[in-house]
Amino acid sequence: MQRKKTVRNMEPRYVYMLDNAYYHICPPAGGSIHRKKKSVMQTFLEYVLCEDLNKTTLERADTVLRKFDWSNEEVRQSPLFIPVLIILIL
């Protein structure tokens, strides 16, 4: 099927369908990507900083960030911990 795909000039949707069928039957040797599970606190912190923060919601985001329990290890393990501290200091 891979040779047929390269020999014939097919529409991109058919090429995509062939690739999906091929990799469904013969998955690549690398395996799937394992992602680390994030806690609810880390997910909410990322939402406030990355999606909800803009000029109109700055004060609300500031109060939410100041209400976090920053001594909690779950919050400190977040990759956004240092940038949040910098934001709160400024």
PDB file of N, CA and C in Angstrom:
ATOM      1  N   MET A   1       0.818  -1.198   0.000  1.00  0.00           N
ATOM      2  CA  MET A   1       0.000   0.000   0.000  1.00  0.00           C
ATOM      3  C   MET A   1       0.864   1.264   0.000  1.00  0.00           C
ATOM      4  N   GLN A   2       1.999   1.177   0.673  1.00  0.00           N
ATOM      5  CA  GLN A   2       2.866   2.350   0.706  1.00  0.00           C
ATOM      6  C   GLN A   2       3.425   2.657  -0.683  1.00  0.00           C
ATOM      7  N   ARG A   3       3.733   1.601  -1.457  1.00  0.00           N
ATOM      8  CA  ARG A   3       4.211   1.831  -2.827  1.00  0.00           C
ATOM      9  C   ARG A   3       3.101   2.409  -3.684  1.00  0.00           C
ATOM     10  N   LYS A   4       1.893   1.906  -3.499  1.00  0.00           N
ATOM     11  CA  LYS A   4       0.767   2.414  -4.281  1.00  0.00           C
ATOM     12  C   LYS A   4       0.523   3.888  -3.967  1.00  0.00           C
ATOM     13  N   LYS A   5       0.732   4.247  -2.717  1.00  0.00           N
ATOM     14  CA  LYS A   5       0.542   5.636  -2.317  1.00  0.00           C
ATOM     15  C   LYS A   5       1.552   6.549  -3.009  1.00  0.00           C
ATOM     16  N   THR A   6       2.800   6.096  -3.129  1.00  0.00           N
ATOM     17  CA  THR A   6       3.823   6.939  -3.732  1.00  0.00           C
ATOM     18  C   THR A   6       3.745   6.945  -5.257  1.00  0.00           C
ATOM     19  N   VAL A   7       3.266   5.853  -5.866  1.00  0.00           N
ATOM     20  CA  VAL A   7       3.208   5.767  -7.326  1.00  0.00           C
ATOM     21  C   VAL A   7       2.041   6.587  -7.870  1.00  0.00           C
ATOM     22  N   ARG A   8       0.909   6.464  -7.224  1.00  0.00           N
ATOM     23  CA  ARG A   8      -0.282   7.170  -7.722  1.00  0.00           C
ATOM     24  C   ARG A   8      -0.382   8.560  -7.121  1.00  0.00           C
ATOM     25  N   ASN A   9      -0.934   9.455  -7.883  1.00  0.00           N
ATOM     26  CA  ASN A   9      -1.184  10.796  -7.400  1.00  0.00           C
ATOM     27  C   ASN A   9      -2.593  10.820  -6.805  1.00  0.00           C
ATOM     28  N   MET A  10      -2.668  10.701  -5.467  1.00  0.00           N
ATOM     29  CA  MET A  10      -3.969  10.633  -4.801  1.00  0.00           C
ATOM     30  C   MET A  10      -4.246  11.928  -4.056  1.00  0.00           C
ATOM     31  N   GLU A  11      -5.518  12.097  -3.739  1.00  0.00           N
ATOM     32  CA  GLU A  11      -5.913  13.254  -2.947  1.00  0.00           C
ATOM     33  C   GLU A  11      -5.324  13.114  -1.545  1.00  0.00           C
ATOM     34  N   PRO A  12      -5.055  14.240  -0.913  1.00  0.00           N
ATOM     35  CA  PRO A  12      -4.446  14.180   0.434  1.00  0.00           C
ATOM     36  C   PRO A  12      -5.299  13.421   1.452  1.00  0.00           C
ATOM     37  N   ARG A  13      -6.609  13.483   1.329  1.00  0.00           N
ATOM     38  CA  ARG A  13      -7.444  12.780   2.309  1.00  0.00           C
ATOM     39  C   ARG A  13      -7.282  11.270   2.188  1.00  0.00           C
ATOM     40  N   TYR A  14      -7.069  10.755   0.962  1.00  0.00           N
ATOM     41  CA  TYR A  14      -6.858   9.321   0.784  1.00  0.00           C
ATOM     42  C   TYR A  14      -5.478   8.902   1.299  1.00  0.00           C
ATOM     43  N   VAL A  15      -4.498   9.754   1.097  1.00  0.00           N
ATOM     44  CA  VAL A  15      -3.164   9.480   1.629  1.00  0.00           C
ATOM     45  C   VAL A  15      -3.229   9.421   3.154  1.00  0.00           C
ATOM     46  N   TYR A  16      -3.963  10.347   3.743  1.00  0.00           N
ATOM     47  CA  TYR A  16      -4.128  10.395   5.192  1.00  0.00           C
ATOM     48  C   TYR A  16      -4.841   9.134   5.688  1.00  0.00           C
ATOM     49  N   MET A  17      -5.869   8.695   4.977  1.00  0.00           N
ATOM     50  CA  MET A  17      -6.586   7.480   5.357  1.00  0.00           C
ATOM     51  C   MET A  17      -5.678   6.251   5.272  1.00  0.00           C
ATOM     52  N   LEU A  18      -4.860   6.170   4.226  1.00  0.00           N
ATOM     53  CA  LEU A  18      -3.935   5.048   4.095  1.00  0.00           C
ATOM     54  C   LEU A  18      -2.898   5.041   5.215  1.00  0.00           C
ATOM     55  N   ASP A  19      -2.376   6.207   5.543  1.00  0.00           N
ATOM     56  CA  ASP A  19      -1.406   6.287   6.628  1.00  0.00           C
ATOM     57  C   ASP A  19      -2.020   5.850   7.952  1.00  0.00           C
ATOM     58  N   ASN A  20      -3.232   6.313   8.234  1.00  0.00           N
ATOM     59  CA  ASN A  20      -3.896   5.930   9.483  1.00  0.00           C
ATOM     60  C   ASN A  20      -4.134   4.426   9.549  1.00  0.00           C
ATOM     61  N   ALA A  21      -4.580   3.846   8.438  1.00  0.00           N
ATOM     62  CA  ALA A  21      -4.822   2.399   8.417  1.00  0.00           C
ATOM     63  C   ALA A  21      -3.520   1.627   8.588  1.00  0.00           C
ATOM     64  N   TYR A  22      -2.468   2.067   7.922  1.00  0.00           N
ATOM     65  CA  TYR A  22      -1.175   1.375   8.017  1.00  0.00           C
ATOM     66  C   TYR A  22      -0.628   1.433   9.446  1.00  0.00           C
ATOM     67  N   TYR A  23      -0.635   2.624  10.060  1.00  0.00           N
ATOM     68  CA  TYR A  23      -0.078   2.753  11.397  1.00  0.00           C
ATOM     69  C   TYR A  23      -0.986   2.158  12.466  1.00  0.00           C
ATOM     70  N   HIS A  24      -2.251   1.951  12.145  1.00  0.00           N
ATOM     71  CA  HIS A  24      -3.132   1.258  13.080  1.00  0.00           C
ATOM     72  C   HIS A  24      -2.787  -0.230  13.124  1.00  0.00           C
ATOM     73  N   ILE A  25      -2.464  -0.794  11.969  1.00  0.00           N
ATOM     74  CA  ILE A  25      -2.111  -2.210  11.888  1.00  0.00           C
ATOM     75  C   ILE A  25      -0.665  -2.442  12.345  1.00  0.00           C
ATOM     76  N   CYS A  26       0.253  -1.609  11.866  1.00  0.00           N
ATOM     77  CA  CYS A  26       1.677  -1.749  12.201  1.00  0.00           C
ATOM     78  C   CYS A  26       2.157  -0.475  12.898  1.00  0.00           C
ATOM     79  N   PRO A  27       1.971  -0.372  14.219  1.00  0.00           N
ATOM     80  CA  PRO A  27       2.387   0.860  14.903  1.00  0.00           C
ATOM     81  C   PRO A  27       3.902   1.013  14.891  1.00  0.00           C
ATOM     82  N   PRO A  28       4.400   2.245  14.949  1.00  0.00           N
ATOM     83  CA  PRO A  28       5.848   2.465  14.949  1.00  0.00           C
ATOM     84  C   PRO A  28       6.487   1.891  16.212  1.00  0.00           C
ATOM     85  N   ALA A  29       7.757   1.593  16.123  1.00  0.00           N
ATOM     86  CA  ALA A  29       8.465   0.935  17.223  1.00  0.00           C
ATOM     87  C   ALA A  29       8.649   1.846  18.427  1.00  0.00           C
ATOM     88  N   GLY A  30       8.592   3.148  18.231  1.00  0.00           N
ATOM     89  CA  GLY A  30       8.830   4.090  19.314  1.00  0.00           C
ATOM     90  C   GLY A  30       7.805   4.025  20.422  1.00  0.00           C
ATOM     91  N   GLY A  31       6.597   3.621  20.118  1.00  0.00           N
ATOM     92  CA  GLY A  31       5.557   3.565  21.134  1.00  0.00           C
ATOM     93  C   GLY A  31       4.861   4.899  21.295  1.00  0.00           C
ATOM     94  N   SER A  32       3.989   4.947  22.252  1.00  0.00           N
ATOM     95  CA  SER A  32       3.224   6.169  22.467  1.00  0.00           C
ATOM     96  C   SER A  32       3.943   7.074  23.464  1.00  0.00           C
ATOM     97  N   ILE A  33       3.501   8.303  23.518  1.00  0.00           N
ATOM     98  CA  ILE A  33       4.078   9.290  24.420  1.00  0.00           C
ATOM     99  C   ILE A  33       3.352   9.194  25.759  1.00  0.00           C
ATOM    100  N   HIS A  34       4.124   9.066  26.830  1.00  0.00           N
ATOM    101  CA  HIS A  34       3.533   9.006  28.162  1.00  0.00           C
ATOM    102  C   HIS A  34       3.655  10.383  28.788  1.00  0.00           C
ATOM    103  N   ARG A  35       2.519  10.950  29.133  1.00  0.00           N
ATOM    104  CA  ARG A  35       2.511  12.278  29.744  1.00  0.00           C
ATOM    105  C   ARG A  35       2.244  12.161  31.224  1.00  0.00           C
ATOM    106  N   LYS A  36       2.850  13.061  31.966  1.00  0.00           N
ATOM    107  CA  LYS A  36       2.668  13.067  33.398  1.00  0.00           C
ATOM    108  C   LYS A  36       1.311  13.691  33.722  1.00  0.00           C
ATOM    109  N   LYS A  37       0.599  13.073  34.638  1.00  0.00           N
ATOM    110  CA  LYS A  37      -0.701  13.602  35.046  1.00  0.00           C
ATOM    111  C   LYS A  37      -0.502  14.850  35.893  1.00  0.00           C
ATOM    112  N   LYS A  38      -1.289  15.877  35.592  1.00  0.00           N
ATOM    113  CA  LYS A  38      -1.230  17.107  36.370  1.00  0.00           C
ATOM    114  C   LYS A  38      -2.365  17.104  37.381  1.00  0.00           C
ATOM    115  N   SER A  39      -2.102  17.706  38.514  1.00  0.00           N
ATOM    116  CA  SER A  39      -3.145  17.798  39.530  1.00  0.00           C
ATOM    117  C   SER A  39      -4.136  18.893  39.136  1.00  0.00           C
ATOM    118  N   VAL A  40      -5.223  18.939  39.848  1.00  0.00           N
ATOM    119  CA  VAL A  40      -6.256  19.941  39.575  1.00  0.00           C
ATOM    120  C   VAL A  40      -5.720  21.337  39.854  1.00  0.00           C
ATOM    121  N   MET A  41      -4.903  21.469  40.907  1.00  0.00           N
ATOM    122  CA  MET A  41      -4.342  22.784  41.252  1.00  0.00           C
ATOM    123  C   MET A  41      -3.414  23.276  40.139  1.00  0.00           C
ATOM    124  N   GLN A  42      -2.567  22.392  39.618  1.00  0.00           N
ATOM    125  CA  GLN A  42      -1.646  22.785  38.551  1.00  0.00           C
ATOM    126  C   GLN A  42      -2.409  23.141  37.285  1.00  0.00           C
ATOM    127  N   THR A  43      -3.451  22.377  36.972  1.00  0.00           N
ATOM    128  CA  THR A  43      -4.250  22.669  35.787  1.00  0.00           C
ATOM    129  C   THR A  43      -4.943  24.016  35.921  1.00  0.00           C
ATOM    130  N   PHE A  44      -5.490  24.308  37.103  1.00  0.00           N
ATOM    131  CA  PHE A  44      -6.152  25.593  37.320  1.00  0.00           C
ATOM    132  C   PHE A  44      -5.164  26.741  37.257  1.00  0.00           C
ATOM    133  N   LEU A  45      -3.977  26.542  37.817  1.00  0.00           N
ATOM    134  CA  LEU A  45      -2.946  27.576  37.773  1.00  0.00           C
ATOM    135  C   LEU A  45      -2.541  27.886  36.333  1.00  0.00           C
ATOM    136  N   GLU A  46      -2.372  26.860  35.524  1.00  0.00           N
ATOM    137  CA  GLU A  46      -2.056  27.069  34.111  1.00  0.00           C
ATOM    138  C   GLU A  46      -3.192  27.769  33.379  1.00  0.00           C
ATOM    139  N   TYR A  47      -4.436  27.429  33.727  1.00  0.00           N
ATOM    140  CA  TYR A  47      -5.586  28.084  33.099  1.00  0.00           C
ATOM    141  C   TYR A  47      -5.600  29.570  33.426  1.00  0.00           C
ATOM    142  N   VAL A  48      -5.393  29.904  34.693  1.00  0.00           N
ATOM    143  CA  VAL A  48      -5.430  31.317  35.098  1.00  0.00           C
ATOM    144  C   VAL A  48      -4.323  32.098  34.415  1.00  0.00           C
ATOM    145  N   LEU A  49      -3.121  31.530  34.357  1.00  0.00           N
ATOM    146  CA  LEU A  49      -1.985  32.269  33.804  1.00  0.00           C
ATOM    147  C   LEU A  49      -1.939  32.292  32.282  1.00  0.00           C
ATOM    148  N   CYS A  50      -2.284  31.180  31.655  1.00  0.00           N
ATOM    149  CA  CYS A  50      -2.067  31.073  30.215  1.00  0.00           C
ATOM    150  C   CYS A  50      -3.301  31.407  29.383  1.00  0.00           C
ATOM    151  N   GLU A  51      -4.485  31.161  29.899  1.00  0.00           N
ATOM    152  CA  GLU A  51      -5.671  31.369  29.089  1.00  0.00           C
ATOM    153  C   GLU A  51      -6.523  32.540  29.560  1.00  0.00           C
ATOM    154  N   ASP A  52      -6.661  32.691  30.862  1.00  0.00           N
ATOM    155  CA  ASP A  52      -7.607  33.666  31.396  1.00  0.00           C
ATOM    156  C   ASP A  52      -6.985  35.033  31.651  1.00  0.00           C
ATOM    157  N   LEU A  53      -5.676  35.120  31.679  1.00  0.00           N
ATOM    158  CA  LEU A  53      -5.009  36.368  32.039  1.00  0.00           C
ATOM    159  C   LEU A  53      -4.935  37.314  30.842  1.00  0.00           C
ATOM    160  N   ASN A  54      -5.576  38.464  30.966  1.00  0.00           N
ATOM    161  CA  ASN A  54      -5.460  39.530  29.975  1.00  0.00           C
ATOM    162  C   ASN A  54      -5.641  40.862  30.694  1.00  0.00           C
ATOM    163  N   LYS A  55      -5.700  41.951  29.975  1.00  0.00           N
ATOM    164  CA  LYS A  55      -5.752  43.268  30.608  1.00  0.00           C
ATOM    165  C   LYS A  55      -7.020  43.482  31.427  1.00  0.00           C
ATOM    166  N   THR A  56      -8.128  42.933  30.971  1.00  0.00           N
ATOM    167  CA  THR A  56      -9.387  43.158  31.687  1.00  0.00           C
ATOM    168  C   THR A  56      -9.528  42.279  32.930  1.00  0.00           C
ATOM    169  N   THR A  57      -8.878  41.138  32.965  1.00  0.00           N
ATOM    170  CA  THR A  57      -9.011  40.221  34.102  1.00  0.00           C
ATOM    171  C   THR A  57      -7.773  40.202  34.976  1.00  0.00           C
ATOM    172  N   LEU A  58      -6.942  41.213  34.877  1.00  0.00           N
ATOM    173  CA  LEU A  58      -5.685  41.240  35.619  1.00  0.00           C
ATOM    174  C   LEU A  58      -5.916  41.272  37.127  1.00  0.00           C
ATOM    175  N   GLU A  59      -6.833  42.104  37.589  1.00  0.00           N
ATOM    176  CA  GLU A  59      -7.080  42.206  39.036  1.00  0.00           C
ATOM    177  C   GLU A  59      -7.666  40.917  39.597  1.00  0.00           C
ATOM    178  N   ARG A  60      -8.578  40.307  38.864  1.00  0.00           N
ATOM    179  CA  ARG A  60      -9.181  39.058  39.316  1.00  0.00           C
ATOM    180  C   ARG A  60      -8.142  37.946  39.375  1.00  0.00           C
ATOM    181  N   ALA A  61      -7.282  37.868  38.348  1.00  0.00           N
ATOM    182  CA  ALA A  61      -6.235  36.857  38.335  1.00  0.00           C
ATOM    183  C   ALA A  61      -5.243  37.098  39.465  1.00  0.00           C
ATOM    184  N   ASP A  62      -4.969  38.351  39.759  1.00  0.00           N
ATOM    185  CA  ASP A  62      -4.051  38.687  40.845  1.00  0.00           C
ATOM    186  C   ASP A  62      -4.603  38.213  42.185  1.00  0.00           C
ATOM    187  N   THR A  63      -5.891  38.442  42.440  1.00  0.00           N
ATOM    188  CA  THR A  63      -6.476  37.989  43.702  1.00  0.00           C
ATOM    189  C   THR A  63      -6.516  36.464  43.788  1.00  0.00           C
ATOM    190  N   VAL A  64      -6.793  35.800  42.671  1.00  0.00           N
ATOM    191  CA  VAL A  64      -6.814  34.335  42.675  1.00  0.00           C
ATOM    192  C   VAL A  64      -5.424  33.791  42.961  1.00  0.00           C
ATOM    193  N   LEU A  65      -4.404  34.380  42.349  1.00  0.00           N
ATOM    194  CA  LEU A  65      -3.037  33.909  42.573  1.00  0.00           C
ATOM    195  C   LEU A  65      -2.577  34.158  44.003  1.00  0.00           C
ATOM    196  N   ARG A  66      -2.997  35.258  44.586  1.00  0.00           N
ATOM    197  CA  ARG A  66      -2.597  35.549  45.963  1.00  0.00           C
ATOM    198  C   ARG A  66      -3.304  34.643  46.969  1.00  0.00           C
ATOM    199  N   LYS A  67      -4.466  34.097  46.611  1.00  0.00           N
ATOM    200  CA  LYS A  67      -5.204  33.203  47.507  1.00  0.00           C
ATOM    201  C   LYS A  67      -4.666  31.778  47.494  1.00  0.00           C
ATOM    202  N   PHE A  68      -3.800  31.430  46.556  1.00  0.00           N
ATOM    203  CA  PHE A  68      -3.231  30.083  46.499  1.00  0.00           C
ATOM    204  C   PHE A  68      -2.399  29.819  47.748  1.00  0.00           C
ATOM    205  N   ASP A  69      -2.380  28.564  48.177  1.00  0.00           N
ATOM    206  CA  ASP A  69      -1.536  28.144  49.288  1.00  0.00           C
ATOM    207  C   ASP A  69      -0.156  27.802  48.721  1.00  0.00           C
ATOM    208  N   TRP A  70       0.743  28.780  48.697  1.00  0.00           N
ATOM    209  CA  TRP A  70       2.038  28.605  48.041  1.00  0.00           C
ATOM    210  C   TRP A  70       2.994  27.737  48.854  1.00  0.00           C
ATOM    211  N   SER A  71       2.644  27.432  50.099  1.00  0.00           N
ATOM    212  CA  SER A  71       3.490  26.528  50.880  1.00  0.00           C
ATOM    213  C   SER A  71       3.192  25.065  50.573  1.00  0.00           C
ATOM    214  N   ASN A  72       2.125  24.808  49.840  1.00  0.00           N
ATOM    215  CA  ASN A  72       1.742  23.453  49.459  1.00  0.00           C
ATOM    216  C   ASN A  72       2.716  22.911  48.418  1.00  0.00           C
ATOM    217  N   GLU A  73       3.210  21.684  48.628  1.00  0.00           N
ATOM    218  CA  GLU A  73       4.171  21.081  47.702  1.00  0.00           C
ATOM    219  C   GLU A  73       3.556  20.835  46.325  1.00  0.00           C
ATOM    220  N   GLU A  74       2.273  20.552  46.287  1.00  0.00           N
ATOM    221  CA  GLU A  74       1.590  20.295  45.007  1.00  0.00           C
ATOM    222  C   GLU A  74       1.653  21.514  44.100  1.00  0.00           C
ATOM    223  N   VAL A  75       1.523  22.684  44.681  1.00  0.00           N
ATOM    224  CA  VAL A  75       1.581  23.923  43.908  1.00  0.00           C
ATOM    225  C   VAL A  75       3.034  24.249  43.554  1.00  0.00           C
ATOM    226  N   ARG A  76       3.955  23.978  44.472  1.00  0.00           N
ATOM    227  CA  ARG A  76       5.363  24.293  44.229  1.00  0.00           C
ATOM    228  C   ARG A  76       5.984  23.438  43.135  1.00  0.00           C
ATOM    229  N   GLN A  77       5.431  22.272  42.875  1.00  0.00           N
ATOM    230  CA  GLN A  77       5.963  21.400  41.838  1.00  0.00           C
ATOM    231  C   GLN A  77       5.531  21.826  40.449  1.00  0.00           C
ATOM    232  N   SER A  78       4.667  22.792  40.365  1.00  0.00           N
ATOM    233  CA  SER A  78       4.206  23.271  39.072  1.00  0.00           C
ATOM    234  C   SER A  78       5.354  23.961  38.340  1.00  0.00           C
ATOM    235  N   PRO A  79       5.458  23.749  37.008  1.00  0.00           N
ATOM    236  CA  PRO A  79       6.522  24.422  36.253  1.00  0.00           C
ATOM    237  C   PRO A  79       6.325  25.928  36.177  1.00  0.00           C
ATOM    238  N   LEU A  80       5.139  26.408  36.546  1.00  0.00           N
ATOM    239  CA  LEU A  80       4.867  27.842  36.494  1.00  0.00           C
ATOM    240  C   LEU A  80       5.098  28.525  37.840  1.00  0.00           C
ATOM    241  N   PHE A  81       5.689  27.819  38.793  1.00  0.00           N
ATOM    242  CA  PHE A  81       5.862  28.363  40.133  1.00  0.00           C
ATOM    243  C   PHE A  81       6.749  29.602  40.143  1.00  0.00           C
ATOM    244  N   ILE A  82       7.903  29.550  39.515  1.00  0.00           N
ATOM    245  CA  ILE A  82       8.837  30.685  39.508  1.00  0.00           C
ATOM    246  C   ILE A  82       8.260  31.881  38.746  1.00  0.00           C
ATOM    247  N   PRO A  83       7.686  31.686  37.530  1.00  0.00           N
ATOM    248  CA  PRO A  83       7.103  32.852  36.862  1.00  0.00           C
ATOM    249  C   PRO A  83       5.972  33.505  37.653  1.00  0.00           C
ATOM    250  N   VAL A  84       5.209  32.719  38.398  1.00  0.00           N
ATOM    251  CA  VAL A  84       4.125  33.302  39.217  1.00  0.00           C
ATOM    252  C   VAL A  84       4.713  34.142  40.325  1.00  0.00           C
ATOM    253  N   LEU A  85       5.763  33.666  40.949  1.00  0.00           N
ATOM    254  CA  LEU A  85       6.387  34.468  42.004  1.00  0.00           C
ATOM    255  C   LEU A  85       6.908  35.789  41.462  1.00  0.00           C
ATOM    256  N   ILE A  86       7.468  35.767  40.288  1.00  0.00           N
ATOM    257  CA  ILE A  86       7.955  37.001  39.680  1.00  0.00           C
ATOM    258  C   ILE A  86       6.801  37.956  39.406  1.00  0.00           C
ATOM    259  N   ILE A  87       5.680  37.431  38.929  1.00  0.00           N
ATOM    260  CA  ILE A  87       4.502  38.264  38.663  1.00  0.00           C
ATOM    261  C   ILE A  87       3.967  38.859  39.951  1.00  0.00           C
ATOM    262  N   LEU A  88       3.894  38.059  41.012  1.00  0.00           N
ATOM    263  CA  LEU A  88       3.354  38.551  42.278  1.00  0.00           C
ATOM    264  C   LEU A  88       4.259  39.585  42.928  1.00  0.00           C
ATOM    265  N   ILE A  89       5.554  39.452  42.723  1.00  0.00           N
ATOM    266  CA  ILE A  89       6.482  40.429  43.314  1.00  0.00           C
ATOM    267  C   ILE A  89       6.361  41.773  42.611  1.00  0.00           C
ATOM    268  N   LEU A  90       6.186  41.736  41.290  1.00  0.00           N
ATOM    269  CA  LEU A  90       6.084  42.987  40.545  1.00  0.00           C
ATOM    270  C   LEU A  90       4.742  43.568  40.798  1.00  0.00           C
TER     271      LEU A  90
END
